[in-house]
C-alpha atoms as a PDB file:
ATOM      1  CA  UNK A   1      95.865  82.785 106.873  1.00  0.00           C
ATOM      2  CA  UNK A   2      98.097  85.807 107.273  1.00  0.00           C
ATOM      3  CA  UNK A   3      96.050  88.889 106.507  1.00  0.00           C
ATOM      4  CA  UNK A   4      98.216  91.712 105.064  1.00  0.00           C
ATOM      5  CA  UNK A   5      97.427  94.771 103.014  1.00  0.00           C
ATOM      6  CA  UNK A   6      99.829  96.692 100.924  1.00  0.00           C
ATOM      7  CA  UNK A   7      99.996 100.479 100.932  1.00  0.00           C
ATOM      8  CA  UNK A   8     101.582 101.952  97.789  1.00  0.00           C
ATOM      9  CA  UNK A   9     103.709 105.013  98.278  1.00  0.00           C
ATOM     10  CA  UNK A  10     105.934 107.149  96.060  1.00  0.00           C
ATOM     11  CA  UNK A  11     109.593 107.387  96.956  1.00  0.00           C
ATOM     12  CA  UNK A  12     111.416 110.777  96.716  1.00  0.00           C
ATOM     13  CA  UNK A  13     112.442 109.666  93.217  1.00  0.00           C
ATOM     14  CA  UNK A  14     108.858 109.052  92.051  1.00  0.00           C
ATOM     15  CA  UNK A  15     109.118 105.267  92.149  1.00  0.00           C
ATOM     16  CA  UNK A  16     106.289 103.423  93.720  1.00  0.00           C
ATOM     17  CA  UNK A  17     107.156 101.521  96.842  1.00  0.00           C
ATOM     18  CA  UNK A  18     104.800  99.146  98.590  1.00  0.00           C
ATOM     19  CA  UNK A  19     104.595  98.834 102.360  1.00  0.00           C
ATOM     20  CA  UNK A  20     102.854  95.758 103.804  1.00  0.00           C
ATOM     21  CA  UNK A  21     100.736  96.145 106.902  1.00  0.00           C
ATOM     22  CA  UNK A  22      98.884  93.541 108.926  1.00  0.00           C
ATOM     23  CA  UNK A  23      95.142  94.174 109.314  1.00  0.00           C
ATOM     24  CA  UNK A  24      94.985  92.414 112.641  1.00  0.00           C
ATOM     25  CA  UNK A  25      93.576  94.524 115.429  1.00  0.00           C
ATOM     26  CA  UNK A  26      96.668  94.077 117.680  1.00  0.00           C
ATOM     27  CA  UNK A  27      98.996  95.109 114.864  1.00  0.00           C
ATOM     28  CA  UNK A  28      96.889  98.232 114.106  1.00  0.00           C
ATOM     29  CA  UNK A  29      96.835  99.172 117.793  1.00  0.00           C
ATOM     30  CA  UNK A  30     100.654  98.834 117.962  1.00  0.00           C
ATOM     31  CA  UNK A  31     101.123 100.920 114.791  1.00  0.00           C
ATOM     32  CA  UNK A  32      98.821 103.658 116.114  1.00  0.00           C
ATOM     33  CA  UNK A  33     100.414 103.687 119.573  1.00  0.00           C
ATOM     34  CA  UNK A  34     103.955 103.908 118.090  1.00  0.00           C
ATOM     35  CA  UNK A  35     102.844 106.765 115.762  1.00  0.00           C
ATOM     36  CA  UNK A  36     101.243 108.606 118.722  1.00  0.00           C
ATOM     37  CA  UNK A  37     104.433 108.224 120.799  1.00  0.00           C
ATOM     38  CA  UNK A  38     106.534 109.584 117.932  1.00  0.00           C
ATOM     39  CA  UNK A  39     104.106 112.449 117.078  1.00  0.00           C
ATOM     40  CA  UNK A  40     104.090 113.917 120.626  1.00  0.00           C
ATOM     41  CA  UNK A  41     101.918 117.043 120.981  1.00  0.00           C
ATOM     42  CA  UNK A  42     101.264 117.200 117.185  1.00  0.00           C
ATOM     43  CA  UNK A  43      99.260 113.966 117.401  1.00  0.00           C
ATOM     44  CA  UNK A  44      97.846 111.826 114.623  1.00  0.00           C
ATOM     45  CA  UNK A  45      94.655 112.673 112.741  1.00  0.00           C
ATOM     46  CA  UNK A  46      92.151 110.123 111.555  1.00  0.00           C
ATOM     47  CA  UNK A  47      93.173 110.980 107.979  1.00  0.00           C
ATOM     48  CA  UNK A  48      96.863 110.220 108.786  1.00  0.00           C
ATOM     49  CA  UNK A  49      95.818 106.979 110.437  1.00  0.00           C
ATOM     50  CA  UNK A  50      93.955 105.969 107.311  1.00  0.00           C
ATOM     51  CA  UNK A  51      96.480 106.969 104.661  1.00  0.00           C
ATOM     52  CA  UNK A  52      99.824 106.632 106.421  1.00  0.00           C
ATOM     53  CA  UNK A  53      99.186 103.765 108.840  1.00  0.00           C
ATOM     54  CA  UNK A  54      96.541 101.860 106.871  1.00  0.00           C
ATOM     55  CA  UNK A  55      94.093 101.956 109.804  1.00  0.00           C
ATOM     56  CA  UNK A  56      90.602 102.356 108.372  1.00  0.00           C
ATOM     57  CA  UNK A  57      88.697 102.944 111.614  1.00  0.00           C
ATOM     58  CA  UNK A  58      91.005 104.834 113.936  1.00  0.00           C
ATOM     59  CA  UNK A  59      88.268 105.625 116.539  1.00  0.00           C
ATOM     60  CA  UNK A  60      87.890 101.931 117.280  1.00  0.00           C
ATOM     61  CA  UNK A  61      91.652 101.501 117.803  1.00  0.00           C
ATOM     62  CA  UNK A  62      91.733 104.606 120.062  1.00  0.00           C
ATOM     63  CA  UNK A  63      88.826 103.219 122.130  1.00  0.00           C
ATOM     64  CA  UNK A  64      90.663  99.921 122.556  1.00  0.00           C
ATOM     65  CA  UNK A  65      93.913 101.638 123.514  1.00  0.00           C
ATOM     66  CA  UNK A  66      91.991 103.718 126.116  1.00  0.00           C
ATOM     67  CA  UNK A  67      89.725 101.073 127.579  1.00  0.00           C
ATOM     68  CA  UNK A  68      91.806  97.906 127.214  1.00  0.00           C
ATOM     69  CA  UNK A  69      95.319  99.268 127.680  1.00  0.00           C
ATOM     70  CA  UNK A  70      94.616 102.347 129.814  1.00  0.00           C
ATOM     71  CA  UNK A  71      96.309 104.762 127.411  1.00  0.00           C
ATOM     72  CA  UNK A  72      95.432 108.447 128.046  1.00  0.00           C
ATOM     73  CA  UNK A  73      94.529 109.713 124.564  1.00  0.00           C
ATOM     74  CA  UNK A  74      92.934 113.156 124.038  1.00  0.00           C
ATOM     75  CA  UNK A  75      90.654 113.771 121.035  1.00  0.00           C
ATOM     76  CA  UNK A  76      90.771 117.222 119.477  1.00  0.00           C
ATOM     77  CA  UNK A  77      88.497 118.226 116.550  1.00  0.00           C
ATOM     78  CA  UNK A  78      90.019 120.069 113.555  1.00  0.00           C
ATOM     79  CA  UNK A  79      89.547 120.769 109.879  1.00  0.00           C
ATOM     80  CA  UNK A  80      92.028 119.082 107.542  1.00  0.00           C
ATOM     81  CA  UNK A  81      92.317 118.418 103.825  1.00  0.00           C
ATOM     82  CA  UNK A  82      92.315 114.861 102.655  1.00  0.00           C
ATOM     83  CA  UNK A  83      94.866 113.709 100.002  1.00  0.00           C
ATOM     84  CA  UNK A  84      92.392 114.729  97.299  1.00  0.00           C
ATOM     85  CA  UNK A  85      92.082 118.293  98.594  1.00  0.00           C
ATOM     86  CA  UNK A  86      88.641 118.105 100.185  1.00  0.00           C
ATOM     87  CA  UNK A  87      88.302 119.587 103.683  1.00  0.00           C
ATOM     88  CA  UNK A  88      86.888 117.385 106.456  1.00  0.00           C
ATOM     89  CA  UNK A  89      86.241 117.724 110.195  1.00  0.00           C
ATOM     90  CA  UNK A  90      88.558 115.088 111.645  1.00  0.00           C
ATOM     91  CA  UNK A  91      89.820 113.960 114.989  1.00  0.00           C
ATOM     92  CA  UNK A  92      93.366 114.556 116.066  1.00  0.00           C
ATOM     93  CA  UNK A  93      94.569 112.060 118.706  1.00  0.00           C
ATOM     94  CA  UNK A  94      97.229 113.083 121.201  1.00  0.00           C
ATOM     95  CA  UNK A  95      98.847 110.688 123.667  1.00  0.00           C
ATOM     96  CA  UNK A  96      99.055 112.119 127.137  1.00  0.00           C
ATOM     97  CA  UNK A  97     100.850 110.941 130.246  1.00  0.00           C
ATOM     98  CA  UNK A  98      99.076 108.961 132.892  1.00  0.00           C
ATOM     99  CA  UNK A  99      96.300 106.412 132.727  1.00  0.00           C
ATOM    100  CA  UNK A 100      92.968 106.940 130.940  1.00  0.00           C
ATOM    101  CA  UNK A 101      90.041 107.629 133.295  1.00  0.00           C
ATOM    102  CA  UNK A 102      86.632 107.208 131.774  1.00  0.00           C
ATOM    103  CA  UNK A 103      84.235 110.178 132.381  1.00  0.00           C
ATOM    104  CA  UNK A 104      81.373 109.052 134.602  1.00  0.00           C
END
């Protein structure tokens, strides 16, 4: 069975467009890694991962990228509004150069 979710978005003309995303772990890892590479020093917040990339549990995907693929991802804590206007303390993930080294 091919598991896909759809994420409805509004186009610049107000029309609803639907983006289809796979819910498979590997697909989510690849979406997050691509977004981190494109974001540069601005990074990606957990809210962005949820609403723009359709990744419900970004911390799990970041853990996997660090520990399974050796990606060096820094976590910064910040306050950000969700799409409904409520402020939340969220993680901002920034991809750094080099390999991840677990803190002993």
